[in-house]
Amino acid sequence: TMGHPFESAADCPWLDTLEQSYRLRLPEPFRSLVRYYRWPEFDVGPLAAFSNLGVHDDDDLLKAPFRDKPILEWLQANGLIQIGRLATGSYDPVCLNLAARGARASIVSIDHEGILLCRRKVRVTQLSTSLEELIAESADDDQTHGE
């Protein structure tokens, strides 16, 4: 698990609550990751991933994506599920893009100021073609830099 603090679990009792909050079924493989693993907040490449501990703190999947209603509504309307923020400390959401073509959701960052200022065009930057790709790229970077 690339040194990230993942802990296996038999099931995720809050998965239904989480999917009801998002108003959709989480895409695979993210759904299986949430269901069968627990983790604190961690960085992988450009993503500072929310924790999956089933607690209602500001950086957990159960609360973090739902705190800012205008951003949440815009993301939901555009087929995006927030899974973290940029690892730079920016408030810009990092999301699974369900509108992406193909079987896998790409990973994108969204300019939060564009959303809050109701801009017609909001900057969306693709960070990776999929969650698996993002993790693989990060593992390659770790090996290249001797971590």
C-alpha atoms as a PDB file:
ATOM      1  CA  THR A   1       0.000   0.000   0.000  1.00  0.00           C
ATOM      2  CA  MET A   2       2.876   2.401  -0.792  1.00  0.00           C
ATOM      3  CA  GLY A   3       3.468   3.231   2.852  1.00  0.00           C
ATOM      4  CA  HIS A   4       0.037   4.795   3.209  1.00  0.00           C
ATOM      5  CA  PRO A   5      -1.789   3.919   6.427  1.00  0.00           C
ATOM      6  CA  PHE A   6      -4.559   1.699   5.022  1.00  0.00           C
ATOM      7  CA  GLU A   7      -6.229  -0.722   7.414  1.00  0.00           C
ATOM      8  CA  SER A   8      -8.481  -3.481   6.090  1.00  0.00           C
ATOM      9  CA  ALA A   9     -12.048  -3.773   7.356  1.00  0.00           C
ATOM     10  CA  ALA A  10     -14.818  -6.329   6.883  1.00  0.00           C
ATOM     11  CA  ASP A  11     -17.366  -3.725   5.814  1.00  0.00           C
ATOM     12  CA  CYS A  12     -18.218  -0.041   5.981  1.00  0.00           C
ATOM     13  CA  PRO A  13     -21.309   0.665   8.103  1.00  0.00           C
ATOM     14  CA  TRP A  14     -21.441   4.290   6.887  1.00  0.00           C
ATOM     15  CA  LEU A  15     -21.255   3.482   3.144  1.00  0.00           C
ATOM     16  CA  ASP A  16     -25.050   3.770   2.706  1.00  0.00           C
ATOM     17  CA  THR A  17     -25.090   7.110   4.534  1.00  0.00           C
ATOM     18  CA  LEU A  18     -22.232   8.368   2.382  1.00  0.00           C
ATOM     19  CA  GLU A  19     -23.930   7.321  -0.866  1.00  0.00           C
ATOM     20  CA  GLN A  20     -27.215   8.883   0.276  1.00  0.00           C
ATOM     21  CA  SER A  21     -25.353  12.132   0.973  1.00  0.00           C
ATOM     22  CA  TYR A  22     -23.763  12.061  -2.499  1.00  0.00           C
ATOM     23  CA  ARG A  23     -27.142  10.945  -3.946  1.00  0.00           C
ATOM     24  CA  LEU A  24     -25.473   8.219  -6.002  1.00  0.00           C
ATOM     25  CA  ARG A  25     -23.573   4.963  -5.818  1.00  0.00           C
ATOM     26  CA  LEU A  26     -19.832   5.512  -5.585  1.00  0.00           C
ATOM     27  CA  PRO A  27     -17.929   4.330  -8.656  1.00  0.00           C
ATOM     28  CA  GLU A  28     -15.588   1.354  -8.511  1.00  0.00           C
ATOM     29  CA  PRO A  29     -12.812   0.984  -7.458  1.00  0.00           C
ATOM     30  CA  PHE A  30     -13.356   3.908  -5.053  1.00  0.00           C
ATOM     31  CA  ARG A  31     -16.474   2.241  -3.610  1.00  0.00           C
ATOM     32  CA  SER A  32     -14.537  -0.939  -2.737  1.00  0.00           C
ATOM     33  CA  LEU A  33     -11.721   1.128  -1.259  1.00  0.00           C
ATOM     34  CA  VAL A  34     -14.201   2.954   1.009  1.00  0.00           C
ATOM     35  CA  ARG A  35     -16.030  -0.260   1.879  1.00  0.00           C
ATOM     36  CA  TYR A  36     -13.066  -2.468   2.758  1.00  0.00           C
ATOM     37  CA  TYR A  37     -10.398  -0.049   4.031  1.00  0.00           C
ATOM     38  CA  ARG A  38      -9.977   2.690   6.625  1.00  0.00           C
ATOM     39  CA  TRP A  39      -7.413   5.462   6.392  1.00  0.00           C
ATOM     40  CA  PRO A  40      -6.551   8.839   7.885  1.00  0.00           C
ATOM     41  CA  GLU A  41      -6.118  11.846   5.627  1.00  0.00           C
ATOM     42  CA  PHE A  42      -3.058  11.367   3.381  1.00  0.00           C
ATOM     43  CA  ASP A  43      -1.392  12.792   0.286  1.00  0.00           C
ATOM     44  CA  VAL A  44      -0.979  10.850  -2.946  1.00  0.00           C
ATOM     45  CA  GLY A  45       0.553  12.868  -5.762  1.00  0.00           C
ATOM     46  CA  PRO A  46      -1.371  16.169  -6.045  1.00  0.00           C
ATOM     47  CA  LEU A  47      -4.299  14.830  -3.956  1.00  0.00           C
ATOM     48  CA  ALA A  48      -4.769  15.362  -0.226  1.00  0.00           C
ATOM     49  CA  ALA A  49      -7.343  12.590   0.251  1.00  0.00           C
ATOM     50  CA  PHE A  50     -10.047  12.896   2.889  1.00  0.00           C
ATOM     51  CA  SER A  51      -9.920  10.279   5.636  1.00  0.00           C
ATOM     52  CA  ASN A  52     -12.305   7.313   5.703  1.00  0.00           C
ATOM     53  CA  LEU A  53     -12.702   6.705   9.417  1.00  0.00           C
ATOM     54  CA  GLY A  54     -16.461   7.179   9.752  1.00  0.00           C
ATOM     55  CA  VAL A  55     -16.060  10.214  11.977  1.00  0.00           C
ATOM     56  CA  HIS A  56     -17.696  13.575  11.479  1.00  0.00           C
ATOM     57  CA  ASP A  57     -14.518  15.656  11.495  1.00  0.00           C
ATOM     58  CA  ASP A  58     -13.668  18.304   8.934  1.00  0.00           C
ATOM     59  CA  ASP A  59     -11.365  16.067   6.872  1.00  0.00           C
ATOM     60  CA  ASP A  60     -13.442  12.861   6.770  1.00  0.00           C
ATOM     61  CA  LEU A  61     -15.481  11.666   3.770  1.00  0.00           C
ATOM     62  CA  LEU A  62     -18.640  11.716   5.911  1.00  0.00           C
ATOM     63  CA  LYS A  63     -18.417  15.481   6.475  1.00  0.00           C
ATOM     64  CA  ALA A  64     -15.739  17.224   4.405  1.00  0.00           C
ATOM     65  CA  PRO A  65     -17.387  17.099   0.935  1.00  0.00           C
ATOM     66  CA  PHE A  66     -20.711  18.381   2.305  1.00  0.00           C
ATOM     67  CA  ARG A  67     -19.570  21.401   4.338  1.00  0.00           C
ATOM     68  CA  ASP A  68     -19.692  24.020   1.584  1.00  0.00           C
ATOM     69  CA  LYS A  69     -23.191  23.895   0.050  1.00  0.00           C
ATOM     70  CA  PRO A  70     -22.589  26.101  -3.048  1.00  0.00           C
ATOM     71  CA  ILE A  71     -19.548  24.023  -4.018  1.00  0.00           C
ATOM     72  CA  LEU A  72     -21.336  20.728  -3.264  1.00  0.00           C
ATOM     73  CA  GLU A  73     -24.345  21.706  -5.401  1.00  0.00           C
ATOM     74  CA  TRP A  74     -22.129  22.748  -8.329  1.00  0.00           C
ATOM     75  CA  LEU A  75     -20.074  19.545  -8.109  1.00  0.00           C
ATOM     76  CA  GLN A  76     -23.191  17.341  -7.948  1.00  0.00           C
ATOM     77  CA  ALA A  77     -24.758  19.148 -10.910  1.00  0.00           C
ATOM     78  CA  ASN A  78     -21.594  18.481 -12.916  1.00  0.00           C
ATOM     79  CA  GLY A  79     -21.137  14.779 -12.089  1.00  0.00           C
ATOM     80  CA  LEU A  80     -18.259  15.263  -9.645  1.00  0.00           C
ATOM     81  CA  ILE A  81     -17.614  13.567  -6.282  1.00  0.00           C
ATOM     82  CA  GLN A  82     -15.165  15.365  -4.013  1.00  0.00           C
ATOM     83  CA  ILE A  83     -12.625  12.975  -2.472  1.00  0.00           C
ATOM     84  CA  GLY A  84     -10.093  15.528  -1.230  1.00  0.00           C
ATOM     85  CA  ARG A  85      -8.321  18.786  -1.972  1.00  0.00           C
ATOM     86  CA  LEU A  86      -5.061  19.730  -3.626  1.00  0.00           C
ATOM     87  CA  ALA A  87      -2.043  18.664  -1.565  1.00  0.00           C
ATOM     88  CA  THR A  88      -0.724  22.236  -1.886  1.00  0.00           C
ATOM     89  CA  GLY A  89      -3.179  23.302   0.832  1.00  0.00           C
ATOM     90  CA  SER A  90      -5.505  24.968  -1.676  1.00  0.00           C
ATOM     91  CA  TYR A  91      -9.258  24.854  -1.032  1.00  0.00           C
ATOM     92  CA  ASP A  92      -9.818  23.636  -4.614  1.00  0.00           C
ATOM     93  CA  PRO A  93     -11.767  20.354  -4.537  1.00  0.00           C
ATOM     94  CA  VAL A  94     -10.241  17.225  -6.068  1.00  0.00           C
ATOM     95  CA  CYS A  95     -12.949  14.995  -7.476  1.00  0.00           C
ATOM     96  CA  LEU A  96     -13.836  11.818  -9.280  1.00  0.00           C
ATOM     97  CA  ASN A  97     -15.274  12.961 -12.603  1.00  0.00           C
ATOM     98  CA  LEU A  98     -18.238  10.685 -13.283  1.00  0.00           C
ATOM     99  CA  ALA A  99     -18.921  12.495 -16.552  1.00  0.00           C
ATOM    100  CA  ALA A 100     -15.607  11.246 -17.957  1.00  0.00           C
ATOM    101  CA  ARG A 101     -15.890   8.853 -20.864  1.00  0.00           C
ATOM    102  CA  GLY A 102     -15.014   5.247 -20.337  1.00  0.00           C
ATOM    103  CA  ALA A 103     -15.397   2.906 -17.424  1.00  0.00           C
ATOM    104  CA  ARG A 104     -13.181   4.804 -14.981  1.00  0.00           C
ATOM    105  CA  ALA A 105     -13.738   8.196 -13.405  1.00  0.00           C
ATOM    106  CA  SER A 106     -10.860  10.588 -14.023  1.00  0.00           C
ATOM    107  CA  ILE A 107      -9.387  12.670 -11.184  1.00  0.00           C
ATOM    108  CA  VAL A 108      -9.815  16.436 -11.592  1.00  0.00           C
ATOM    109  CA  SER A 109      -9.286  19.585  -9.563  1.00  0.00           C
ATOM    110  CA  ILE A 110     -11.848  22.372  -9.721  1.00  0.00           C
ATOM    111  CA  ASP A 111     -11.241  26.117  -9.276  1.00  0.00           C
ATOM    112  CA  HIS A 112     -13.397  26.786  -6.187  1.00  0.00           C
ATOM    113  CA  GLU A 113     -13.315  30.561  -6.751  1.00  0.00           C
ATOM    114  CA  GLY A 114     -14.882  30.067 -10.167  1.00  0.00           C
ATOM    115  CA  ILE A 115     -17.758  28.204  -8.521  1.00  0.00           C
ATOM    116  CA  LEU A 116     -18.240  30.731  -5.717  1.00  0.00           C
ATOM    117  CA  LEU A 117     -18.104  33.683  -8.132  1.00  0.00           C
ATOM    118  CA  CYS A 118     -20.685  31.939 -10.367  1.00  0.00           C
ATOM    119  CA  ARG A 119     -18.423  32.091 -13.394  1.00  0.00           C
ATOM    120  CA  ARG A 120     -19.834  30.651 -16.567  1.00  0.00           C
ATOM    121  CA  LYS A 121     -16.598  28.752 -17.217  1.00  0.00           C
ATOM    122  CA  VAL A 122     -15.021  27.110 -14.175  1.00  0.00           C
ATOM    123  CA  ARG A 123     -11.460  25.830 -14.579  1.00  0.00           C
ATOM    124  CA  VAL A 124     -11.302  22.023 -14.405  1.00  0.00           C
ATOM    125  CA  THR A 125      -7.819  20.470 -14.472  1.00  0.00           C
ATOM    126  CA  GLN A 126      -7.341  16.750 -15.055  1.00  0.00           C
ATOM    127  CA  LEU A 127      -4.820  15.350 -12.571  1.00  0.00           C
ATOM    128  CA  SER A 128      -5.023  11.722 -13.682  1.00  0.00           C
ATOM    129  CA  THR A 129      -7.072   9.453 -15.936  1.00  0.00           C
ATOM    130  CA  SER A 130      -8.197   7.341 -12.942  1.00  0.00           C
ATOM    131  CA  LEU A 131      -7.653   6.742  -9.240  1.00  0.00           C
ATOM    132  CA  GLU A 132      -5.582   3.649 -10.043  1.00  0.00           C
ATOM    133  CA  GLU A 133      -3.389   5.685 -12.390  1.00  0.00           C
ATOM    134  CA  LEU A 134      -2.890   8.410  -9.768  1.00  0.00           C
ATOM    135  CA  ILE A 135      -1.791   5.836  -7.185  1.00  0.00           C
ATOM    136  CA  ALA A 136       0.507   4.080  -9.680  1.00  0.00           C
ATOM    137  CA  GLU A 137       2.080   7.419 -10.717  1.00  0.00           C
ATOM    138  CA  SER A 138       2.653   8.312  -7.074  1.00  0.00           C
ATOM    139  CA  ALA A 139       4.251   4.907  -6.374  1.00  0.00           C
ATOM    140  CA  ASP A 140       6.548   5.388  -9.381  1.00  0.00           C
ATOM    141  CA  ASP A 141       7.531   8.852  -8.103  1.00  0.00           C
ATOM    142  CA  ASP A 142       8.238   7.438  -4.627  1.00  0.00           C
ATOM    143  CA  GLN A 143      10.526   4.756  -6.098  1.00  0.00           C
ATOM    144  CA  THR A 144      12.277   7.283  -8.345  1.00  0.00           C
ATOM    145  CA  HIS A 145      12.975   9.548  -5.374  1.00  0.00           C
ATOM    146  CA  GLY A 146      14.058   6.689  -3.097  1.00  0.00           C
ATOM    147  CA  GLU A 147      11.202   6.997  -0.592  1.00  0.00           C
END
